[in-house]
Amino acid sequence: MTDTLLIKNKAIPYEITDYLDMNNWEPYILLIATLTLIAAIIIPFVQKKYDEYRTKRSFKMYFKNQIGFILNYLTSEKIEYQEFIVNKDITKEKLELSEFLKRYENDFKHHKDAVQPEIILTLLINLQNFLLFSSHLRNIIEDVDFKDLMKLTLKHGNKLSKKELSNIYQLIAILDRFISIYLYHDRFGKMKSIKRLTQEGVWIGLDLDKDFIEKQDFLNDDLLFINEHETSIAEIAFVLRDVNQKIKEYFDYEKK
């Protein structure tokens, strides 16, 4: 009998039976339960934040893609500028928008009362080139589906910061304002000395008669006309500068 008890004690040592004490498992069970609870809270939260980030990023990429054509036009297209030279061959160069406007405004200030046909014609041609650039920009802006952009902005606006949302609304307002100001102030389509070439209702270039220099009366009338509507020229130039600045700021173009 004694031998039997010894064998049993050897078969089931004290150390192993002590392992089977469930009290020793409580800290591990508590830890696992705690981690499970934390995971149940954190994982949905992280997933929600990731989904919001992904939606926000997708919307911003879509918005930038829609108005990217405007940036591309403003940064890649230049305006033909004709130098003020009398009795010499005409000199032309392509200028970036800001430089063109600076030169044209200076030219208008100094030559608004000119009498030489060549000077008047050059002033008129540069004006029409500037307005042609503005017309093309207006067409590009009108191709943007702003109703859809506004709808998406309202839908996803809560995922954007106040600054981001404000920038988008301001940009849309400025682009819409440019269209209305250009349409209202472009009064120069019926000038006598320089005609506008159109194709399917779209202004594509300028047309000059062969004897345009000899038509002094036409030139004088057109010069008088643009002097009378100097404010309209200034309004278009102002809003065009605004569009150029705000578009580049939105894309951080100057920092690149």
C-alpha atoms as a PDB file:
ATOM      1  CA  MET A   1       0.000   0.000   0.000  1.00  0.00           C
ATOM      2  CA  THR A   2       2.801   2.332   0.895  1.00  0.00           C
ATOM      3  CA  ASP A   3       4.567   1.569  -2.390  1.00  0.00           C
ATOM      4  CA  THR A   4       1.452   2.365  -4.316  1.00  0.00           C
ATOM      5  CA  LEU A   5       1.184   5.801  -2.715  1.00  0.00           C
ATOM      6  CA  LEU A   6       4.813   6.521  -3.523  1.00  0.00           C
ATOM      7  CA  ILE A   7       4.260   5.654  -7.179  1.00  0.00           C
ATOM      8  CA  LYS A   8       1.264   7.949  -7.361  1.00  0.00           C
ATOM      9  CA  ASN A   9       3.251  10.772  -5.826  1.00  0.00           C
ATOM     10  CA  LYS A  10       5.978  10.254  -8.368  1.00  0.00           C
ATOM     11  CA  ALA A  11       3.479  10.112 -11.258  1.00  0.00           C
ATOM     12  CA  ILE A  12       1.872  13.411 -10.289  1.00  0.00           C
ATOM     13  CA  PRO A  13       4.537  15.652  -8.802  1.00  0.00           C
ATOM     14  CA  TYR A  14       3.528  18.631  -6.698  1.00  0.00           C
ATOM     15  CA  GLU A  15       4.930  21.133  -9.177  1.00  0.00           C
ATOM     16  CA  ILE A  16       2.580  20.031 -12.002  1.00  0.00           C
ATOM     17  CA  THR A  17      -0.517  20.030  -9.868  1.00  0.00           C
ATOM     18  CA  ASP A  18       0.414  23.519  -8.776  1.00  0.00           C
ATOM     19  CA  TYR A  19       0.350  24.566 -12.456  1.00  0.00           C
ATOM     20  CA  LEU A  20      -3.203  23.436 -12.665  1.00  0.00           C
ATOM     21  CA  ASP A  21      -4.197  26.024 -10.095  1.00  0.00           C
ATOM     22  CA  MET A  22      -6.472  28.391 -12.060  1.00  0.00           C
ATOM     23  CA  ASN A  23      -5.664  31.316  -9.804  1.00  0.00           C
ATOM     24  CA  ASN A  24      -2.279  31.598 -11.554  1.00  0.00           C
ATOM     25  CA  TRP A  25      -4.028  32.141 -14.927  1.00  0.00           C
ATOM     26  CA  GLU A  26      -6.101  35.099 -13.832  1.00  0.00           C
ATOM     27  CA  PRO A  27      -3.528  37.829 -14.709  1.00  0.00           C
ATOM     28  CA  TYR A  28      -3.100  36.398 -18.221  1.00  0.00           C
ATOM     29  CA  ILE A  29      -6.830  36.074 -18.789  1.00  0.00           C
ATOM     30  CA  LEU A  30      -7.312  39.641 -17.565  1.00  0.00           C
ATOM     31  CA  LEU A  31      -4.570  40.894 -19.895  1.00  0.00           C
ATOM     32  CA  ILE A  32      -6.049  39.100 -22.896  1.00  0.00           C
ATOM     33  CA  ALA A  33      -9.501  40.424 -22.105  1.00  0.00           C
ATOM     34  CA  THR A  34      -8.143  43.954 -21.769  1.00  0.00           C
ATOM     35  CA  LEU A  35      -6.272  43.753 -25.068  1.00  0.00           C
ATOM     36  CA  THR A  36      -9.356  42.335 -26.782  1.00  0.00           C
ATOM     37  CA  LEU A  37     -11.459  45.203 -25.466  1.00  0.00           C
ATOM     38  CA  ILE A  38      -8.893  47.793 -26.551  1.00  0.00           C
ATOM     39  CA  ALA A  39      -8.681  46.214 -30.006  1.00  0.00           C
ATOM     40  CA  ALA A  40     -12.472  46.233 -30.302  1.00  0.00           C
ATOM     41  CA  ILE A  41     -12.442  49.999 -29.649  1.00  0.00           C
ATOM     42  CA  ILE A  42      -9.269  51.090 -31.436  1.00  0.00           C
ATOM     43  CA  ILE A  43      -9.518  49.078 -34.659  1.00  0.00           C
ATOM     44  CA  PRO A  44     -12.909  50.533 -35.719  1.00  0.00           C
ATOM     45  CA  PHE A  45     -11.659  54.011 -34.741  1.00  0.00           C
ATOM     46  CA  VAL A  46      -8.472  53.625 -36.781  1.00  0.00           C
ATOM     47  CA  GLN A  47     -10.448  52.183 -39.697  1.00  0.00           C
ATOM     48  CA  LYS A  48     -12.858  55.124 -39.577  1.00  0.00           C
ATOM     49  CA  LYS A  49      -9.994  57.646 -39.533  1.00  0.00           C
ATOM     50  CA  TYR A  50      -8.297  55.877 -42.414  1.00  0.00           C
ATOM     51  CA  ASP A  51     -11.517  55.877 -44.450  1.00  0.00           C
ATOM     52  CA  GLU A  52     -11.940  59.606 -43.753  1.00  0.00           C
ATOM     53  CA  TYR A  53      -8.331  60.260 -44.789  1.00  0.00           C
ATOM     54  CA  ARG A  54      -8.761  58.248 -47.964  1.00  0.00           C
ATOM     55  CA  THR A  55     -12.035  60.018 -48.835  1.00  0.00           C
ATOM     56  CA  LYS A  56     -10.482  63.423 -48.127  1.00  0.00           C
ATOM     57  CA  ARG A  57      -7.432  62.632 -50.253  1.00  0.00           C
ATOM     58  CA  SER A  58      -9.577  61.324 -53.119  1.00  0.00           C
ATOM     59  CA  PHE A  59     -11.770  64.434 -53.064  1.00  0.00           C
ATOM     60  CA  LYS A  60      -8.779  66.810 -53.022  1.00  0.00           C
ATOM     61  CA  MET A  61      -7.176  64.914 -55.903  1.00  0.00           C
ATOM     62  CA  TYR A  62     -10.435  65.054 -57.877  1.00  0.00           C
ATOM     63  CA  PHE A  63     -10.832  68.783 -57.197  1.00  0.00           C
ATOM     64  CA  LYS A  64      -7.249  69.542 -58.218  1.00  0.00           C
ATOM     65  CA  ASN A  65      -7.624  67.422 -61.331  1.00  0.00           C
ATOM     66  CA  GLN A  66     -10.726  69.385 -62.350  1.00  0.00           C
ATOM     67  CA  ILE A  67      -9.105  72.799 -62.014  1.00  0.00           C
ATOM     68  CA  GLY A  68      -5.643  71.628 -63.041  1.00  0.00           C
ATOM     69  CA  PHE A  69      -6.395  72.596 -66.643  1.00  0.00           C
ATOM     70  CA  ILE A  70      -6.705  76.209 -65.483  1.00  0.00           C
ATOM     71  CA  LEU A  71      -3.300  76.091 -63.794  1.00  0.00           C
ATOM     72  CA  ASN A  72      -1.770  74.477 -66.866  1.00  0.00           C
ATOM     73  CA  TYR A  73      -3.127  77.234 -69.124  1.00  0.00           C
ATOM     74  CA  LEU A  74      -1.988  80.056 -66.855  1.00  0.00           C
ATOM     75  CA  THR A  75       1.525  78.654 -66.506  1.00  0.00           C
ATOM     76  CA  SER A  76       2.153  77.359 -70.019  1.00  0.00           C
ATOM     77  CA  GLU A  77       0.437  79.880 -72.301  1.00  0.00           C
ATOM     78  CA  LYS A  78       2.030  83.239 -72.992  1.00  0.00           C
ATOM     79  CA  ILE A  79       0.622  86.378 -74.598  1.00  0.00           C
ATOM     80  CA  GLU A  80       2.031  87.878 -77.764  1.00  0.00           C
ATOM     81  CA  TYR A  81       3.323  91.384 -77.099  1.00  0.00           C
ATOM     82  CA  GLN A  82       4.128  93.826 -79.868  1.00  0.00           C
ATOM     83  CA  GLU A  83       6.807  96.438 -79.265  1.00  0.00           C
ATOM     84  CA  PHE A  84       6.087 100.140 -79.820  1.00  0.00           C
ATOM     85  CA  ILE A  85       8.406 100.923 -82.721  1.00  0.00           C
ATOM     86  CA  VAL A  86       7.655 103.526 -85.394  1.00  0.00           C
ATOM     87  CA  ASN A  87       8.943 103.181 -88.975  1.00  0.00           C
ATOM     88  CA  LYS A  88      10.732  99.904 -88.217  1.00  0.00           C
ATOM     89  CA  ASP A  89       9.951  96.230 -88.523  1.00  0.00           C
ATOM     90  CA  ILE A  90       7.449  94.973 -85.982  1.00  0.00           C
ATOM     91  CA  THR A  91       9.055  93.205 -83.037  1.00  0.00           C
ATOM     92  CA  LYS A  92       7.025  90.583 -81.171  1.00  0.00           C
ATOM     93  CA  GLU A  93       7.681  88.447 -78.141  1.00  0.00           C
ATOM     94  CA  LYS A  94       5.769  86.064 -75.911  1.00  0.00           C
ATOM     95  CA  LEU A  95       5.289  87.229 -72.336  1.00  0.00           C
ATOM     96  CA  GLU A  96       4.046  85.591 -69.169  1.00  0.00           C
ATOM     97  CA  LEU A  97       0.749  87.041 -67.980  1.00  0.00           C
ATOM     98  CA  SER A  98       2.071  89.211 -65.125  1.00  0.00           C
ATOM     99  CA  GLU A  99       4.814  90.743 -67.251  1.00  0.00           C
ATOM    100  CA  PHE A 100       2.415  91.380 -70.135  1.00  0.00           C
ATOM    101  CA  LEU A 101      -0.101  93.187 -67.923  1.00  0.00           C
ATOM    102  CA  LYS A 102       2.631  95.321 -66.375  1.00  0.00           C
ATOM    103  CA  ARG A 103       3.886  96.393 -69.796  1.00  0.00           C
ATOM    104  CA  TYR A 104       0.448  96.941 -71.275  1.00  0.00           C
ATOM    105  CA  GLU A 105      -0.724  99.132 -68.407  1.00  0.00           C
ATOM    106  CA  ASN A 106       2.433 101.206 -68.733  1.00  0.00           C
ATOM    107  CA  ASP A 107       1.946 101.453 -72.512  1.00  0.00           C
ATOM    108  CA  PHE A 108      -1.672 102.521 -72.153  1.00  0.00           C
ATOM    109  CA  LYS A 109      -0.697 105.224 -69.679  1.00  0.00           C
ATOM    110  CA  HIS A 110       1.899 106.688 -72.048  1.00  0.00           C
ATOM    111  CA  HIS A 111       0.189 106.162 -75.431  1.00  0.00           C
ATOM    112  CA  LYS A 112      -3.522 106.665 -74.729  1.00  0.00           C
ATOM    113  CA  ASP A 113      -3.341 110.029 -76.545  1.00  0.00           C
ATOM    114  CA  ALA A 114      -1.101 108.875 -79.408  1.00  0.00           C
ATOM    115  CA  VAL A 115      -1.556 110.172 -82.971  1.00  0.00           C
ATOM    116  CA  GLN A 116       0.853 107.962 -84.908  1.00  0.00           C
ATOM    117  CA  PRO A 117      -1.048 105.133 -86.660  1.00  0.00           C
ATOM    118  CA  GLU A 118       1.622 102.569 -85.787  1.00  0.00           C
ATOM    119  CA  ILE A 119       1.483 103.419 -82.081  1.00  0.00           C
ATOM    120  CA  ILE A 120      -2.303 103.296 -81.970  1.00  0.00           C
ATOM    121  CA  LEU A 121      -2.439 100.012 -83.869  1.00  0.00           C
ATOM    122  CA  THR A 122       0.158  98.417 -81.584  1.00  0.00           C
ATOM    123  CA  LEU A 123      -1.821  99.455 -78.511  1.00  0.00           C
ATOM    124  CA  LEU A 124      -5.000  97.998 -80.014  1.00  0.00           C
ATOM    125  CA  ILE A 125      -3.338  94.727 -81.050  1.00  0.00           C
ATOM    126  CA  ASN A 126      -1.834  94.190 -77.589  1.00  0.00           C
ATOM    127  CA  LEU A 127      -5.214  94.860 -76.018  1.00  0.00           C
ATOM    128  CA  GLN A 128      -6.905  92.300 -78.254  1.00  0.00           C
ATOM    129  CA  ASN A 129      -4.170  89.735 -77.581  1.00  0.00           C
ATOM    130  CA  PHE A 130      -4.715  90.215 -73.849  1.00  0.00           C
ATOM    131  CA  LEU A 131      -8.487  89.833 -74.262  1.00  0.00           C
ATOM    132  CA  LEU A 132      -8.007  86.767 -76.485  1.00  0.00           C
ATOM    133  CA  PHE A 133      -5.955  85.148 -73.706  1.00  0.00           C
ATOM    134  CA  SER A 134      -8.746  86.015 -71.251  1.00  0.00           C
ATOM    135  CA  SER A 135     -11.396  84.592 -73.580  1.00  0.00           C
ATOM    136  CA  HIS A 136      -9.593  81.263 -73.842  1.00  0.00           C
ATOM    137  CA  LEU A 137      -9.238  81.164 -70.061  1.00  0.00           C
ATOM    138  CA  ARG A 138     -12.960  81.826 -69.686  1.00  0.00           C
ATOM    139  CA  ASN A 139     -13.725  78.865 -71.981  1.00  0.00           C
ATOM    140  CA  ILE A 140     -11.474  76.581 -69.909  1.00  0.00           C
ATOM    141  CA  ILE A 141     -13.115  77.676 -66.664  1.00  0.00           C
ATOM    142  CA  GLU A 142     -16.597  77.196 -68.118  1.00  0.00           C
ATOM    143  CA  ASP A 143     -15.699  73.596 -68.986  1.00  0.00           C
ATOM    144  CA  VAL A 144     -15.285  72.822 -65.278  1.00  0.00           C
ATOM    145  CA  ASP A 145     -18.404  71.273 -63.749  1.00  0.00           C
ATOM    146  CA  PHE A 146     -18.709  73.578 -60.749  1.00  0.00           C
ATOM    147  CA  LYS A 147     -22.146  72.233 -59.811  1.00  0.00           C
ATOM    148  CA  ASP A 148     -20.631  68.794 -59.339  1.00  0.00           C
ATOM    149  CA  LEU A 149     -17.668  70.256 -57.436  1.00  0.00           C
ATOM    150  CA  MET A 150     -19.975  72.176 -55.107  1.00  0.00           C
ATOM    151  CA  LYS A 151     -22.079  69.071 -54.551  1.00  0.00           C
ATOM    152  CA  LEU A 152     -19.013  67.006 -53.636  1.00  0.00           C
ATOM    153  CA  THR A 153     -17.642  69.828 -51.480  1.00  0.00           C
ATOM    154  CA  LEU A 154     -20.858  69.942 -49.465  1.00  0.00           C
ATOM    155  CA  LYS A 155     -20.819  66.150 -49.157  1.00  0.00           C
ATOM    156  CA  HIS A 156     -17.207  65.815 -48.022  1.00  0.00           C
ATOM    157  CA  GLY A 157     -16.690  69.248 -46.479  1.00  0.00           C
ATOM    158  CA  ASN A 158     -16.899  67.875 -42.937  1.00  0.00           C
ATOM    159  CA  LYS A 159     -13.745  65.860 -43.623  1.00  0.00           C
ATOM    160  CA  LEU A 160     -11.768  68.983 -44.567  1.00  0.00           C
ATOM    161  CA  SER A 161     -10.229  71.556 -42.269  1.00  0.00           C
ATOM    162  CA  LYS A 162     -11.828  74.993 -42.055  1.00  0.00           C
ATOM    163  CA  LYS A 163      -8.885  76.456 -43.961  1.00  0.00           C
ATOM    164  CA  GLU A 164      -9.098  73.847 -46.733  1.00  0.00           C
ATOM    165  CA  LEU A 165     -12.832  74.348 -47.064  1.00  0.00           C
ATOM    166  CA  SER A 166     -12.481  78.129 -47.096  1.00  0.00           C
ATOM    167  CA  ASN A 167      -9.793  77.957 -49.813  1.00  0.00           C
ATOM    168  CA  ILE A 168     -12.024  75.823 -52.038  1.00  0.00           C
ATOM    169  CA  TYR A 169     -15.053  78.099 -51.660  1.00  0.00           C
ATOM    170  CA  GLN A 170     -12.944  81.203 -52.291  1.00  0.00           C
ATOM    171  CA  LEU A 171     -11.395  79.674 -55.396  1.00  0.00           C
ATOM    172  CA  ILE A 172     -14.758  78.669 -56.857  1.00  0.00           C
ATOM    173  CA  ALA A 173     -16.116  82.162 -56.152  1.00  0.00           C
ATOM    174  CA  ILE A 174     -13.129  83.859 -57.825  1.00  0.00           C
ATOM    175  CA  LEU A 175     -13.379  81.687 -60.941  1.00  0.00           C
ATOM    176  CA  ASP A 176     -17.105  82.340 -61.226  1.00  0.00           C
ATOM    177  CA  ARG A 177     -16.477  86.058 -60.704  1.00  0.00           C
ATOM    178  CA  PHE A 178     -13.898  86.099 -63.511  1.00  0.00           C
ATOM    179  CA  ILE A 179     -16.428  84.718 -65.996  1.00  0.00           C
ATOM    180  CA  SER A 180     -19.087  87.291 -65.141  1.00  0.00           C
ATOM    181  CA  ILE A 181     -16.658  90.243 -65.106  1.00  0.00           C
ATOM    182  CA  TYR A 182     -15.065  89.247 -68.403  1.00  0.00           C
ATOM    183  CA  LEU A 183     -18.432  88.802 -70.127  1.00  0.00           C
ATOM    184  CA  TYR A 184     -19.651  92.152 -68.849  1.00  0.00           C
ATOM    185  CA  HIS A 185     -16.528  94.223 -69.534  1.00  0.00           C
ATOM    186  CA  ASP A 186     -15.310  92.819 -72.852  1.00  0.00           C
ATOM    187  CA  ARG A 187     -16.839  95.538 -75.002  1.00  0.00           C
ATOM    188  CA  PHE A 188     -14.104  95.474 -77.620  1.00  0.00           C
ATOM    189  CA  GLY A 189     -15.349  92.880 -80.095  1.00  0.00           C
ATOM    190  CA  LYS A 190     -16.642  95.414 -82.633  1.00  0.00           C
ATOM    191  CA  MET A 191     -13.611  97.632 -83.068  1.00  0.00           C
ATOM    192  CA  LYS A 192     -13.250  98.833 -86.630  1.00  0.00           C
ATOM    193  CA  SER A 193      -9.513  98.432 -87.182  1.00  0.00           C
ATOM    194  CA  ILE A 194      -9.076  94.919 -85.765  1.00  0.00           C
ATOM    195  CA  LYS A 195     -11.633  92.184 -86.302  1.00  0.00           C
ATOM    196  CA  ARG A 196     -11.961  89.000 -84.308  1.00  0.00           C
ATOM    197  CA  LEU A 197     -11.801  85.663 -86.113  1.00  0.00           C
ATOM    198  CA  THR A 198     -14.259  83.127 -84.747  1.00  0.00           C
ATOM    199  CA  GLN A 199     -14.905  79.476 -85.450  1.00  0.00           C
ATOM    200  CA  GLU A 200     -18.180  77.905 -84.329  1.00  0.00           C
ATOM    201  CA  GLY A 201     -18.720  80.816 -81.984  1.00  0.00           C
ATOM    202  CA  VAL A 202     -15.249  80.560 -80.431  1.00  0.00           C
ATOM    203  CA  TRP A 203     -12.778  83.424 -80.777  1.00  0.00           C
ATOM    204  CA  ILE A 204      -9.589  81.999 -82.270  1.00  0.00           C
ATOM    205  CA  GLY A 205      -7.557  84.954 -83.582  1.00  0.00           C
ATOM    206  CA  LEU A 206      -7.362  88.453 -85.087  1.00  0.00           C
ATOM    207  CA  ASP A 207      -7.854  89.755 -88.590  1.00  0.00           C
ATOM    208  CA  LEU A 208      -6.343  92.950 -90.039  1.00  0.00           C
ATOM    209  CA  ASP A 209      -7.193  94.529 -93.376  1.00  0.00           C
ATOM    210  CA  LYS A 210      -4.235  94.988 -95.715  1.00  0.00           C
ATOM    211  CA  ASP A 211      -4.709  98.746 -95.717  1.00  0.00           C
ATOM    212  CA  PHE A 212      -5.261  99.089 -91.983  1.00  0.00           C
ATOM    213  CA  ILE A 213      -2.575 101.779 -91.567  1.00  0.00           C
ATOM    214  CA  GLU A 214      -4.335 103.980 -94.112  1.00  0.00           C
ATOM    215  CA  LYS A 215      -7.596 103.861 -92.152  1.00  0.00           C
ATOM    216  CA  GLN A 216      -6.601 106.573 -89.717  1.00  0.00           C
ATOM    217  CA  ASP A 217     -10.204 107.383 -88.845  1.00  0.00           C
ATOM    218  CA  PHE A 218     -10.853 103.795 -87.778  1.00  0.00           C
ATOM    219  CA  LEU A 219      -7.747 103.798 -85.617  1.00  0.00           C
ATOM    220  CA  ASN A 220      -8.675 107.108 -83.992  1.00  0.00           C
ATOM    221  CA  ASP A 221     -12.210 105.915 -83.302  1.00  0.00           C
ATOM    222  CA  ASP A 222     -10.943 102.714 -81.715  1.00  0.00           C
ATOM    223  CA  LEU A 223      -8.421 104.587 -79.577  1.00  0.00           C
ATOM    224  CA  LEU A 224     -11.171 106.912 -78.390  1.00  0.00           C
ATOM    225  CA  PHE A 225     -13.365 103.891 -77.652  1.00  0.00           C
ATOM    226  CA  ILE A 226     -10.795 102.137 -75.441  1.00  0.00           C
ATOM    227  CA  ASN A 227     -10.117 105.395 -73.608  1.00  0.00           C
ATOM    228  CA  GLU A 228     -13.811 105.689 -72.856  1.00  0.00           C
ATOM    229  CA  HIS A 229     -13.802 102.125 -71.511  1.00  0.00           C
ATOM    230  CA  GLU A 230     -10.515 102.222 -69.647  1.00  0.00           C
ATOM    231  CA  THR A 231     -12.293 101.023 -66.504  1.00  0.00           C
ATOM    232  CA  SER A 232     -13.432  97.848 -68.275  1.00  0.00           C
ATOM    233  CA  ILE A 233      -9.848  97.027 -69.253  1.00  0.00           C
ATOM    234  CA  ALA A 234      -8.713  97.615 -65.661  1.00  0.00           C
ATOM    235  CA  GLU A 235     -11.493  95.388 -64.261  1.00  0.00           C
ATOM    236  CA  ILE A 236     -10.576  92.454 -66.513  1.00  0.00           C
ATOM    237  CA  ALA A 237      -6.876  92.861 -65.722  1.00  0.00           C
ATOM    238  CA  PHE A 238      -7.594  92.983 -61.985  1.00  0.00           C
ATOM    239  CA  VAL A 239      -9.728  89.844 -61.857  1.00  0.00           C
ATOM    240  CA  LEU A 240      -7.329  88.015 -64.179  1.00  0.00           C
ATOM    241  CA  ARG A 241      -4.458  88.756 -61.797  1.00  0.00           C
ATOM    242  CA  ASP A 242      -6.621  87.506 -58.936  1.00  0.00           C
ATOM    243  CA  VAL A 243      -7.355  84.210 -60.693  1.00  0.00           C
ATOM    244  CA  ASN A 244      -3.690  83.759 -61.584  1.00  0.00           C
ATOM    245  CA  GLN A 245      -2.585  84.353 -57.982  1.00  0.00           C
ATOM    246  CA  LYS A 246      -5.237  82.241 -56.267  1.00  0.00           C
ATOM    247  CA  ILE A 247      -4.855  79.255 -58.599  1.00  0.00           C
ATOM    248  CA  LYS A 248      -1.076  79.217 -58.083  1.00  0.00           C
ATOM    249  CA  GLU A 249      -1.482  79.582 -54.321  1.00  0.00           C
ATOM    250  CA  TYR A 250      -3.900  76.650 -54.178  1.00  0.00           C
ATOM    251  CA  PHE A 251      -1.428  74.404 -56.003  1.00  0.00           C
ATOM    252  CA  ASP A 252       1.599  75.866 -54.149  1.00  0.00           C
ATOM    253  CA  TYR A 253       2.969  76.515 -57.609  1.00  0.00           C
ATOM    254  CA  GLU A 254       5.444  79.251 -56.657  1.00  0.00           C
ATOM    255  CA  LYS A 255       7.026  77.014 -53.991  1.00  0.00           C
ATOM    256  CA  LYS A 256       7.888  74.272 -56.484  1.00  0.00           C
END
